[in-house]
Protein backbone atom coordinates (compact mmCIF):
# COMPACT_ATOMS: atom_id res chain seq x y z
CA MET A 1 93.55 122.35 111.40
CA ASN A 2 95.95 121.63 108.55
CA VAL A 3 98.22 118.58 108.69
CA ILE A 4 100.94 117.04 106.52
CA SER A 5 101.37 113.34 105.89
CA PHE A 6 104.71 111.53 105.72
CA PHE A 7 104.86 108.00 104.25
CA ALA A 8 101.30 108.51 103.00
CA GLY A 9 100.85 105.26 101.07
CA CYS A 10 97.50 105.30 99.28
CA GLY A 11 96.03 107.66 101.89
CA GLY A 12 94.10 105.52 104.36
CA LEU A 13 95.38 107.34 107.45
CA ASP A 14 94.83 110.66 105.69
CA LEU A 15 91.20 109.68 105.09
CA GLY A 16 90.86 109.14 108.84
CA PHE A 17 92.29 112.61 109.49
CA GLU A 18 89.84 114.14 107.03
CA LYS A 19 86.89 112.33 108.62
CA ALA A 20 88.04 113.68 111.99
CA GLY A 21 87.90 117.24 110.65
CA PHE A 22 91.53 117.80 109.70
CA ARG A 23 92.66 119.07 106.29
CA VAL A 24 95.61 117.19 104.76
CA VAL A 25 97.37 119.87 102.70
CA TRP A 26 100.61 118.08 101.78
CA ALA A 27 101.69 114.44 101.60
CA ASN A 28 104.93 112.62 100.90
CA GLU A 29 105.27 109.16 99.37
CA PHE A 30 108.36 107.76 97.61
CA GLU A 31 106.77 104.56 96.26
CA PRO A 32 105.74 105.28 92.65
CA SER A 33 103.28 102.37 92.52
CA VAL A 34 100.84 104.17 94.86
CA HIS A 35 101.05 107.74 93.51
CA ALA A 36 98.06 107.42 91.16
CA THR A 37 95.93 105.85 93.88
CA TYR A 38 96.78 108.58 96.38
CA GLU A 39 96.07 111.33 93.85
CA LYS A 40 92.69 109.78 93.00
CA ASN A 41 91.74 109.41 96.67
CA HIS A 42 92.98 112.89 97.67
CA PRO A 43 92.75 115.25 94.69
CA ASN A 44 93.03 118.40 96.84
CA THR A 45 96.27 117.37 98.55
CA ILE A 46 99.70 118.22 97.16
CA LEU A 47 101.63 114.94 96.78
CA CYS A 48 105.41 115.20 96.93
CA LYS A 49 106.95 112.33 95.01
CA VAL A 50 110.34 111.97 96.65
CA ILE A 51 113.10 110.09 94.86
CA VAL A 52 115.56 108.40 97.21
CA ILE A 53 119.19 108.09 96.12
CA SER A 54 121.48 105.87 98.15
CA ARG A 55 124.67 107.33 99.54
CA ASN A 56 126.71 104.73 97.60
CA LYS A 57 125.39 106.00 94.28
CA LEU A 58 126.37 109.57 95.19
CA ASN A 59 129.97 108.54 95.83
CA THR A 60 130.50 106.89 92.43
């Protein structure tokens, strides 16, 4: 079964899913400091690198 991962971090929970027989096909993580680690740990998963913009910055 395919799954997606929100707030993936460096991929520890995703590793658990993979060991349980799931396939993590897409992950989302907005913290840039963990992107390289996630990509190294899960090279076959698409990592979406979301940039968060606060509402206040949109109104200026």
